[in-house]
């Protein structure tokens, strides 16, 4: 009986400690995505910003057997993927990857 009573006495403390630990873990693991009021968030950080729209036309006949296209907007070889999404995903806790087209 004493053993069961001791378990019940410490249960709320253990639960609280677990909840606080998990909250701290989430705060440290999750990056802040706060944007100041004067800056509008955008997907495209700097590719062809002078254009109203970014449009790339690629003839399928000019593609090799496989082509990877950027979907994170961070590639230096845009519209082709150069793997820049790897660093972006790590920094932003995201999972974006390329569009791969095969013949």
C-alpha atoms as a PDB file:
ATOM      1  CA  UNK A   1       0.000   0.000   0.000  1.00  0.00           C
ATOM      2  CA  UNK A   2       2.832   2.415   0.824  1.00  0.00           C
ATOM      3  CA  UNK A   3       4.445   1.791  -2.543  1.00  0.00           C
ATOM      4  CA  UNK A   4       1.233   2.588  -4.438  1.00  0.00           C
ATOM      5  CA  UNK A   5       0.705   5.719  -2.337  1.00  0.00           C
ATOM      6  CA  UNK A   6       4.240   6.954  -3.040  1.00  0.00           C
ATOM      7  CA  UNK A   7       3.695   6.468  -6.771  1.00  0.00           C
ATOM      8  CA  UNK A   8       0.501   8.529  -6.664  1.00  0.00           C
ATOM      9  CA  UNK A   9       2.164  11.302  -4.670  1.00  0.00           C
ATOM     10  CA  UNK A  10       4.947  11.778  -7.220  1.00  0.00           C
ATOM     11  CA  UNK A  11       2.822  11.298 -10.380  1.00  0.00           C
ATOM     12  CA  UNK A  12       1.798  14.989 -10.752  1.00  0.00           C
ATOM     13  CA  UNK A  13       5.396  16.153 -10.282  1.00  0.00           C
ATOM     14  CA  UNK A  14       6.709  13.694 -12.839  1.00  0.00           C
ATOM     15  CA  UNK A  15       3.997  14.690 -15.328  1.00  0.00           C
ATOM     16  CA  UNK A  16       4.749  18.381 -14.818  1.00  0.00           C
ATOM     17  CA  UNK A  17       8.484  17.825 -15.279  1.00  0.00           C
ATOM     18  CA  UNK A  18       7.859  15.931 -18.529  1.00  0.00           C
ATOM     19  CA  UNK A  19       5.526  18.653 -19.845  1.00  0.00           C
ATOM     20  CA  UNK A  20       7.981  21.452 -19.022  1.00  0.00           C
ATOM     21  CA  UNK A  21      10.875  19.524 -20.555  1.00  0.00           C
ATOM     22  CA  UNK A  22       8.898  18.935 -23.751  1.00  0.00           C
ATOM     23  CA  UNK A  23       7.902  22.613 -23.974  1.00  0.00           C
ATOM     24  CA  UNK A  24      11.546  23.682 -23.631  1.00  0.00           C
ATOM     25  CA  UNK A  25      12.562  21.124 -26.273  1.00  0.00           C
ATOM     26  CA  UNK A  26       9.972  22.478 -28.733  1.00  0.00           C
ATOM     27  CA  UNK A  27      11.031  26.079 -28.123  1.00  0.00           C
ATOM     28  CA  UNK A  28      14.701  25.288 -28.725  1.00  0.00           C
ATOM     29  CA  UNK A  29      14.108  22.995 -31.708  1.00  0.00           C
ATOM     30  CA  UNK A  30      11.533  25.076 -33.616  1.00  0.00           C
ATOM     31  CA  UNK A  31      12.929  28.195 -35.331  1.00  0.00           C
ATOM     32  CA  UNK A  32      11.095  31.485 -34.923  1.00  0.00           C
ATOM     33  CA  UNK A  33       9.261  32.400 -38.110  1.00  0.00           C
ATOM     34  CA  UNK A  34       8.369  35.902 -36.952  1.00  0.00           C
ATOM     35  CA  UNK A  35       8.312  38.586 -39.616  1.00  0.00           C
ATOM     36  CA  UNK A  36       8.314  42.269 -38.802  1.00  0.00           C
ATOM     37  CA  UNK A  37       5.155  44.210 -39.646  1.00  0.00           C
ATOM     38  CA  UNK A  38       6.813  46.188 -42.457  1.00  0.00           C
ATOM     39  CA  UNK A  39       8.204  43.125 -44.268  1.00  0.00           C
ATOM     40  CA  UNK A  40       5.855  40.871 -46.217  1.00  0.00           C
ATOM     41  CA  UNK A  41       6.921  37.235 -46.323  1.00  0.00           C
ATOM     42  CA  UNK A  42       7.600  35.871 -49.802  1.00  0.00           C
ATOM     43  CA  UNK A  43       8.602  32.545 -51.283  1.00  0.00           C
ATOM     44  CA  UNK A  44      11.064  33.945 -53.820  1.00  0.00           C
ATOM     45  CA  UNK A  45      14.065  35.504 -52.030  1.00  0.00           C
ATOM     46  CA  UNK A  46      15.724  37.031 -55.112  1.00  0.00           C
ATOM     47  CA  UNK A  47      15.222  35.288 -58.455  1.00  0.00           C
ATOM     48  CA  UNK A  48      14.229  37.682 -61.277  1.00  0.00           C
ATOM     49  CA  UNK A  49      12.707  40.132 -58.791  1.00  0.00           C
ATOM     50  CA  UNK A  50      12.581  42.826 -61.488  1.00  0.00           C
ATOM     51  CA  UNK A  51       9.903  40.781 -63.322  1.00  0.00           C
ATOM     52  CA  UNK A  52       6.205  40.800 -62.456  1.00  0.00           C
ATOM     53  CA  UNK A  53       6.220  36.989 -62.645  1.00  0.00           C
ATOM     54  CA  UNK A  54       8.921  34.369 -62.931  1.00  0.00           C
ATOM     55  CA  UNK A  55       8.189  32.175 -65.951  1.00  0.00           C
ATOM     56  CA  UNK A  56      10.671  29.705 -67.413  1.00  0.00           C
ATOM     57  CA  UNK A  57       9.872  27.766 -70.569  1.00  0.00           C
ATOM     58  CA  UNK A  58      11.955  24.656 -71.169  1.00  0.00           C
ATOM     59  CA  UNK A  59      11.652  22.498 -74.282  1.00  0.00           C
ATOM     60  CA  UNK A  60      11.329  18.874 -73.239  1.00  0.00           C
ATOM     61  CA  UNK A  61      13.438  17.864 -76.235  1.00  0.00           C
ATOM     62  CA  UNK A  62      16.407  19.708 -74.679  1.00  0.00           C
ATOM     63  CA  UNK A  63      16.230  17.732 -71.432  1.00  0.00           C
ATOM     64  CA  UNK A  64      18.469  14.758 -70.778  1.00  0.00           C
ATOM     65  CA  UNK A  65      17.090  11.468 -69.465  1.00  0.00           C
ATOM     66  CA  UNK A  66      16.493  13.091 -66.062  1.00  0.00           C
ATOM     67  CA  UNK A  67      16.169  16.718 -64.907  1.00  0.00           C
ATOM     68  CA  UNK A  68      15.663  18.152 -61.407  1.00  0.00           C
ATOM     69  CA  UNK A  69      13.846  21.470 -61.055  1.00  0.00           C
ATOM     70  CA  UNK A  70      14.043  23.750 -58.023  1.00  0.00           C
ATOM     71  CA  UNK A  71      10.954  24.168 -55.842  1.00  0.00           C
ATOM     72  CA  UNK A  72      12.558  26.003 -52.898  1.00  0.00           C
ATOM     73  CA  UNK A  73      13.547  29.142 -54.866  1.00  0.00           C
ATOM     74  CA  UNK A  74      17.087  29.093 -53.403  1.00  0.00           C
ATOM     75  CA  UNK A  75      18.992  27.436 -56.272  1.00  0.00           C
ATOM     76  CA  UNK A  76      21.840  29.387 -57.889  1.00  0.00           C
ATOM     77  CA  UNK A  77      21.045  27.472 -61.122  1.00  0.00           C
ATOM     78  CA  UNK A  78      17.296  28.238 -61.052  1.00  0.00           C
ATOM     79  CA  UNK A  79      15.079  26.813 -62.540  1.00  0.00           C
ATOM     80  CA  UNK A  80      17.295  23.744 -62.105  1.00  0.00           C
ATOM     81  CA  UNK A  81      17.949  22.309 -58.647  1.00  0.00           C
ATOM     82  CA  UNK A  82      21.448  22.616 -57.179  1.00  0.00           C
ATOM     83  CA  UNK A  83      20.625  21.068 -53.786  1.00  0.00           C
ATOM     84  CA  UNK A  84      20.119  24.404 -51.990  1.00  0.00           C
ATOM     85  CA  UNK A  85      16.935  22.992 -50.434  1.00  0.00           C
ATOM     86  CA  UNK A  86      19.061  20.858 -48.087  1.00  0.00           C
ATOM     87  CA  UNK A  87      20.323  23.871 -46.130  1.00  0.00           C
ATOM     88  CA  UNK A  88      16.948  25.603 -46.399  1.00  0.00           C
ATOM     89  CA  UNK A  89      15.159  22.530 -44.981  1.00  0.00           C
ATOM     90  CA  UNK A  90      17.609  22.278 -42.089  1.00  0.00           C
ATOM     91  CA  UNK A  91      17.256  25.974 -41.213  1.00  0.00           C
ATOM     92  CA  UNK A  92      13.469  26.186 -41.642  1.00  0.00           C
ATOM     93  CA  UNK A  93      12.512  22.669 -40.452  1.00  0.00           C
ATOM     94  CA  UNK A  94      10.883  22.093 -43.830  1.00  0.00           C
ATOM     95  CA  UNK A  95      10.935  19.157 -46.251  1.00  0.00           C
ATOM     96  CA  UNK A  96      10.854  20.707 -49.735  1.00  0.00           C
ATOM     97  CA  UNK A  97      12.707  18.914 -52.521  1.00  0.00           C
ATOM     98  CA  UNK A  98      13.115  19.134 -56.286  1.00  0.00           C
ATOM     99  CA  UNK A  99      10.682  18.232 -59.035  1.00  0.00           C
ATOM    100  CA  UNK A 100      12.376  15.389 -60.939  1.00  0.00           C
ATOM    101  CA  UNK A 101      11.317  14.680 -64.536  1.00  0.00           C
ATOM    102  CA  UNK A 102      12.390  11.495 -66.300  1.00  0.00           C
ATOM    103  CA  UNK A 103      11.959  10.520 -69.927  1.00  0.00           C
END
